[in-house]
């Protein structure tokens, strides 16, 4: 596993369970990754007909996801990745990772990216775009290494002091 610096943006609040909002998130995430010149190639979904916690290739699961949108199936989490060709662990080896989750403990929208390969991103623009996918109450922009696991920090799984490389850039 290569250790790299990440830039992350998380917004907390209330996530709508409306299927249209999930479809909008999917389309937004896919476009956001493409706009950063990467290919969205892996996906993780939790919901009524998506029980596995494993990620799958987007190509393999996209048709089933579109059918879920068409059938108004209930989703609780949708995550999209851009992974390098020969990744070992999705939690550490991503180029870009985005999630929208209705997890009652910590509802959020979140993007984290490999800062070593993605230098240009308009943080304010991304924050404003993310606000369209959550009834947000607060958020943060932060940096840390992938090894410290920004996903765990954003999910409030541990105390901030547990993340040795955490650098909070902005809270709002």
C-alpha atoms as a PDB file:
ATOM      1  CA  UNK A   1       0.000   0.000   0.000  1.00  0.00           C
ATOM      2  CA  UNK A   2       1.337   3.374  -1.012  1.00  0.00           C
ATOM      3  CA  UNK A   3       0.854   6.151   1.520  1.00  0.00           C
ATOM      4  CA  UNK A   4      -0.300   9.459   0.059  1.00  0.00           C
ATOM      5  CA  UNK A   5      -1.873  12.718   1.199  1.00  0.00           C
ATOM      6  CA  UNK A   6      -5.590  13.215   0.769  1.00  0.00           C
ATOM      7  CA  UNK A   7      -7.882  16.208   0.593  1.00  0.00           C
ATOM      8  CA  UNK A   8     -11.375  15.536   1.913  1.00  0.00           C
ATOM      9  CA  UNK A   9     -14.639  17.428   2.141  1.00  0.00           C
ATOM     10  CA  UNK A  10     -17.479  16.164   4.344  1.00  0.00           C
ATOM     11  CA  UNK A  11     -20.933  17.641   4.932  1.00  0.00           C
ATOM     12  CA  UNK A  12     -23.157  16.333   7.726  1.00  0.00           C
ATOM     13  CA  UNK A  13     -26.903  16.656   8.017  1.00  0.00           C
ATOM     14  CA  UNK A  14     -29.973  14.830   6.796  1.00  0.00           C
ATOM     15  CA  UNK A  15     -29.956  12.671   3.665  1.00  0.00           C
ATOM     16  CA  UNK A  16     -33.258  12.309   1.831  1.00  0.00           C
ATOM     17  CA  UNK A  17     -34.430   8.773   1.107  1.00  0.00           C
ATOM     18  CA  UNK A  18     -36.114   9.931  -2.106  1.00  0.00           C
ATOM     19  CA  UNK A  19     -34.880   7.716  -4.936  1.00  0.00           C
ATOM     20  CA  UNK A  20     -34.484  10.752  -7.195  1.00  0.00           C
ATOM     21  CA  UNK A  21     -31.970  12.223  -4.758  1.00  0.00           C
ATOM     22  CA  UNK A  22     -29.951   8.994  -4.908  1.00  0.00           C
ATOM     23  CA  UNK A  23     -29.996   9.044  -8.700  1.00  0.00           C
ATOM     24  CA  UNK A  24     -28.865  12.684  -8.646  1.00  0.00           C
ATOM     25  CA  UNK A  25     -25.997  11.736  -6.306  1.00  0.00           C
ATOM     26  CA  UNK A  26     -24.931   8.917  -8.597  1.00  0.00           C
ATOM     27  CA  UNK A  27     -24.936  11.159 -11.672  1.00  0.00           C
ATOM     28  CA  UNK A  28     -23.161  13.967  -9.808  1.00  0.00           C
ATOM     29  CA  UNK A  29     -20.462  11.666  -8.403  1.00  0.00           C
ATOM     30  CA  UNK A  30     -19.812  10.085 -11.763  1.00  0.00           C
ATOM     31  CA  UNK A  31     -19.494  13.491 -13.431  1.00  0.00           C
ATOM     32  CA  UNK A  32     -17.343  14.923 -10.617  1.00  0.00           C
ATOM     33  CA  UNK A  33     -14.846  12.084 -10.995  1.00  0.00           C
ATOM     34  CA  UNK A  34     -14.813  12.484 -14.772  1.00  0.00           C
ATOM     35  CA  UNK A  35     -14.351  16.253 -14.462  1.00  0.00           C
ATOM     36  CA  UNK A  36     -11.174  15.529 -12.489  1.00  0.00           C
ATOM     37  CA  UNK A  37      -9.959  13.443 -15.452  1.00  0.00           C
ATOM     38  CA  UNK A  38     -10.491  10.062 -13.816  1.00  0.00           C
ATOM     39  CA  UNK A  39     -12.765   7.170 -14.629  1.00  0.00           C
ATOM     40  CA  UNK A  40     -15.401   6.085 -12.094  1.00  0.00           C
ATOM     41  CA  UNK A  41     -14.842   2.337 -12.140  1.00  0.00           C
ATOM     42  CA  UNK A  42     -15.995   0.825  -8.830  1.00  0.00           C
ATOM     43  CA  UNK A  43     -19.177   1.179  -6.804  1.00  0.00           C
ATOM     44  CA  UNK A  44     -20.555   0.177  -3.434  1.00  0.00           C
ATOM     45  CA  UNK A  45     -24.285   0.179  -2.726  1.00  0.00           C
ATOM     46  CA  UNK A  46     -26.395  -0.633   0.334  1.00  0.00           C
ATOM     47  CA  UNK A  47     -30.133  -0.898   0.082  1.00  0.00           C
ATOM     48  CA  UNK A  48     -33.147  -3.155  -0.261  1.00  0.00           C
ATOM     49  CA  UNK A  49     -31.698  -5.305  -3.045  1.00  0.00           C
ATOM     50  CA  UNK A  50     -28.020  -4.588  -2.395  1.00  0.00           C
ATOM     51  CA  UNK A  51     -26.910  -6.593   0.634  1.00  0.00           C
ATOM     52  CA  UNK A  52     -23.216  -7.166  -0.033  1.00  0.00           C
ATOM     53  CA  UNK A  53     -20.706  -4.846   1.569  1.00  0.00           C
ATOM     54  CA  UNK A  54     -18.221  -5.575  -1.219  1.00  0.00           C
ATOM     55  CA  UNK A  55     -17.494  -3.097  -3.949  1.00  0.00           C
ATOM     56  CA  UNK A  56     -18.065  -4.146  -7.556  1.00  0.00           C
ATOM     57  CA  UNK A  57     -16.982  -2.826 -10.892  1.00  0.00           C
ATOM     58  CA  UNK A  58     -19.300  -0.119 -12.089  1.00  0.00           C
ATOM     59  CA  UNK A  59     -19.656  -1.904 -15.401  1.00  0.00           C
ATOM     60  CA  UNK A  60     -20.939  -5.020 -13.628  1.00  0.00           C
ATOM     61  CA  UNK A  61     -23.511  -3.357 -11.359  1.00  0.00           C
ATOM     62  CA  UNK A  62     -24.635  -0.193 -13.187  1.00  0.00           C
ATOM     63  CA  UNK A  63     -27.586  -1.859 -14.959  1.00  0.00           C
ATOM     64  CA  UNK A  64     -28.902  -3.220 -11.645  1.00  0.00           C
ATOM     65  CA  UNK A  65     -28.522   0.254 -10.092  1.00  0.00           C
ATOM     66  CA  UNK A  66     -30.476   1.905 -12.925  1.00  0.00           C
ATOM     67  CA  UNK A  67     -33.216  -0.699 -12.431  1.00  0.00           C
ATOM     68  CA  UNK A  68     -33.237   0.131  -8.710  1.00  0.00           C
ATOM     69  CA  UNK A  69     -33.742   3.803  -9.574  1.00  0.00           C
ATOM     70  CA  UNK A  70     -36.540   2.905 -12.007  1.00  0.00           C
ATOM     71  CA  UNK A  71     -38.219   0.698  -9.373  1.00  0.00           C
ATOM     72  CA  UNK A  72     -37.829   3.296  -6.581  1.00  0.00           C
ATOM     73  CA  UNK A  73     -35.930   0.847  -4.393  1.00  0.00           C
ATOM     74  CA  UNK A  74     -34.703   2.079  -1.042  1.00  0.00           C
ATOM     75  CA  UNK A  75     -30.993   2.875  -0.815  1.00  0.00           C
ATOM     76  CA  UNK A  76     -29.066   3.691   2.339  1.00  0.00           C
ATOM     77  CA  UNK A  77     -25.570   4.242   0.922  1.00  0.00           C
ATOM     78  CA  UNK A  78     -24.007   4.829  -2.483  1.00  0.00           C
ATOM     79  CA  UNK A  79     -20.257   5.136  -2.961  1.00  0.00           C
ATOM     80  CA  UNK A  80     -18.319   5.636  -6.160  1.00  0.00           C
ATOM     81  CA  UNK A  81     -14.595   5.132  -6.664  1.00  0.00           C
ATOM     82  CA  UNK A  82     -11.916   5.815  -9.182  1.00  0.00           C
ATOM     83  CA  UNK A  83      -9.385   3.065  -8.523  1.00  0.00           C
ATOM     84  CA  UNK A  84      -5.978   2.593 -10.132  1.00  0.00           C
ATOM     85  CA  UNK A  85      -5.575  -0.475 -12.336  1.00  0.00           C
ATOM     86  CA  UNK A  86      -3.804  -2.701  -9.852  1.00  0.00           C
ATOM     87  CA  UNK A  87      -5.179  -1.616  -6.487  1.00  0.00           C
ATOM     88  CA  UNK A  88      -4.919  -3.884  -3.457  1.00  0.00           C
ATOM     89  CA  UNK A  89      -7.364  -2.360  -0.945  1.00  0.00           C
ATOM     90  CA  UNK A  90     -10.145   0.042  -1.870  1.00  0.00           C
ATOM     91  CA  UNK A  91      -9.953   1.742   1.534  1.00  0.00           C
ATOM     92  CA  UNK A  92      -6.390   2.889   0.887  1.00  0.00           C
ATOM     93  CA  UNK A  93      -5.582   2.764  -2.834  1.00  0.00           C
ATOM     94  CA  UNK A  94      -8.210   5.042  -4.446  1.00  0.00           C
ATOM     95  CA  UNK A  95      -7.683   8.058  -6.656  1.00  0.00           C
ATOM     96  CA  UNK A  96     -11.093   9.495  -5.719  1.00  0.00           C
ATOM     97  CA  UNK A  97     -13.776   8.219  -3.366  1.00  0.00           C
ATOM     98  CA  UNK A  98     -17.274   9.688  -2.934  1.00  0.00           C
ATOM     99  CA  UNK A  99     -20.109   8.536  -0.687  1.00  0.00           C
ATOM    100  CA  UNK A 100     -23.607   9.603   0.279  1.00  0.00           C
ATOM    101  CA  UNK A 101     -24.962   7.690   3.253  1.00  0.00           C
ATOM    102  CA  UNK A 102     -28.171   7.760   5.236  1.00  0.00           C
ATOM    103  CA  UNK A 103     -26.535   5.893   8.128  1.00  0.00           C
ATOM    104  CA  UNK A 104     -28.546   7.194  11.084  1.00  0.00           C
ATOM    105  CA  UNK A 105     -25.452   7.527  13.253  1.00  0.00           C
ATOM    106  CA  UNK A 106     -23.695   9.842  10.828  1.00  0.00           C
ATOM    107  CA  UNK A 107     -25.518  10.919   7.672  1.00  0.00           C
ATOM    108  CA  UNK A 108     -23.141  12.593   5.262  1.00  0.00           C
ATOM    109  CA  UNK A 109     -21.854  13.305   1.788  1.00  0.00           C
ATOM    110  CA  UNK A 110     -18.130  12.978   1.396  1.00  0.00           C
ATOM    111  CA  UNK A 111     -15.374  13.201  -1.171  1.00  0.00           C
ATOM    112  CA  UNK A 112     -11.734  12.343  -0.659  1.00  0.00           C
ATOM    113  CA  UNK A 113      -9.031  12.407  -3.258  1.00  0.00           C
ATOM    114  CA  UNK A 114      -5.392  11.579  -3.648  1.00  0.00           C
ATOM    115  CA  UNK A 115      -3.748  14.983  -3.188  1.00  0.00           C
ATOM    116  CA  UNK A 116      -0.512  13.740  -4.717  1.00  0.00           C
ATOM    117  CA  UNK A 117      -2.142  13.318  -8.148  1.00  0.00           C
ATOM    118  CA  UNK A 118      -5.002  15.817  -8.031  1.00  0.00           C
ATOM    119  CA  UNK A 119      -3.720  19.315  -7.384  1.00  0.00           C
ATOM    120  CA  UNK A 120      -6.442  21.493  -8.897  1.00  0.00           C
ATOM    121  CA  UNK A 121      -9.840  21.456  -7.238  1.00  0.00           C
ATOM    122  CA  UNK A 122     -12.084  24.387  -6.405  1.00  0.00           C
ATOM    123  CA  UNK A 123     -13.024  23.561  -2.817  1.00  0.00           C
ATOM    124  CA  UNK A 124     -15.768  26.204  -2.550  1.00  0.00           C
ATOM    125  CA  UNK A 125     -17.391  24.969  -5.754  1.00  0.00           C
ATOM    126  CA  UNK A 126     -17.315  21.352  -4.563  1.00  0.00           C
ATOM    127  CA  UNK A 127     -18.799  22.327  -1.187  1.00  0.00           C
ATOM    128  CA  UNK A 128     -21.651  24.181  -2.910  1.00  0.00           C
ATOM    129  CA  UNK A 129     -22.291  21.192  -5.185  1.00  0.00           C
ATOM    130  CA  UNK A 130     -22.268  18.760  -2.259  1.00  0.00           C
ATOM    131  CA  UNK A 131     -24.868  20.891  -0.444  1.00  0.00           C
ATOM    132  CA  UNK A 132     -27.377  19.932  -3.151  1.00  0.00           C
ATOM    133  CA  UNK A 133     -27.229  16.313  -1.935  1.00  0.00           C
ATOM    134  CA  UNK A 134     -27.869  16.784   1.786  1.00  0.00           C
ATOM    135  CA  UNK A 135     -29.863  19.046   4.086  1.00  0.00           C
ATOM    136  CA  UNK A 136     -26.589  20.080   5.628  1.00  0.00           C
ATOM    137  CA  UNK A 137     -25.922  21.376   9.121  1.00  0.00           C
ATOM    138  CA  UNK A 138     -22.128  21.511   9.204  1.00  0.00           C
ATOM    139  CA  UNK A 139     -19.013  20.297   7.465  1.00  0.00           C
ATOM    140  CA  UNK A 140     -15.245  20.229   7.212  1.00  0.00           C
ATOM    141  CA  UNK A 141     -12.432  20.359   4.732  1.00  0.00           C
ATOM    142  CA  UNK A 142      -9.404  18.428   5.932  1.00  0.00           C
ATOM    143  CA  UNK A 143      -6.208  16.740   4.883  1.00  0.00           C
ATOM    144  CA  UNK A 144      -4.656  13.509   6.150  1.00  0.00           C
ATOM    145  CA  UNK A 145      -2.834  10.500   4.799  1.00  0.00           C
ATOM    146  CA  UNK A 146      -4.803   7.662   3.285  1.00  0.00           C
ATOM    147  CA  UNK A 147      -3.235   5.406   5.937  1.00  0.00           C
ATOM    148  CA  UNK A 148      -5.057   7.366   8.673  1.00  0.00           C
ATOM    149  CA  UNK A 149      -8.292   6.615   6.757  1.00  0.00           C
ATOM    150  CA  UNK A 150     -10.247   9.817   6.069  1.00  0.00           C
ATOM    151  CA  UNK A 151     -13.417   7.726   5.606  1.00  0.00           C
ATOM    152  CA  UNK A 152     -13.278   6.663   9.271  1.00  0.00           C
ATOM    153  CA  UNK A 153     -12.676  10.235  10.401  1.00  0.00           C
ATOM    154  CA  UNK A 154     -15.619  11.516   8.337  1.00  0.00           C
ATOM    155  CA  UNK A 155     -17.811   8.746   9.799  1.00  0.00           C
ATOM    156  CA  UNK A 156     -16.779   9.878  13.311  1.00  0.00           C
ATOM    157  CA  UNK A 157     -15.582   6.384  14.157  1.00  0.00           C
ATOM    158  CA  UNK A 158     -12.739   7.595  16.403  1.00  0.00           C
ATOM    159  CA  UNK A 159     -11.684  10.703  18.271  1.00  0.00           C
ATOM    160  CA  UNK A 160      -9.963  13.373  16.135  1.00  0.00           C
ATOM    161  CA  UNK A 161      -6.838  12.973  18.269  1.00  0.00           C
ATOM    162  CA  UNK A 162      -6.520   9.378  16.980  1.00  0.00           C
ATOM    163  CA  UNK A 163      -5.655  10.667  13.488  1.00  0.00           C
ATOM    164  CA  UNK A 164      -2.003  11.636  13.604  1.00  0.00           C
ATOM    165  CA  UNK A 165      -1.870  13.287  10.163  1.00  0.00           C
ATOM    166  CA  UNK A 166      -5.192  15.196  10.467  1.00  0.00           C
ATOM    167  CA  UNK A 167      -5.030  18.836   9.430  1.00  0.00           C
ATOM    168  CA  UNK A 168      -8.392  20.626   9.503  1.00  0.00           C
ATOM    169  CA  UNK A 169      -8.414  23.323   6.845  1.00  0.00           C
ATOM    170  CA  UNK A 170     -11.898  24.718   7.356  1.00  0.00           C
ATOM    171  CA  UNK A 171     -15.068  24.065   9.342  1.00  0.00           C
ATOM    172  CA  UNK A 172     -18.441  25.492   8.435  1.00  0.00           C
END
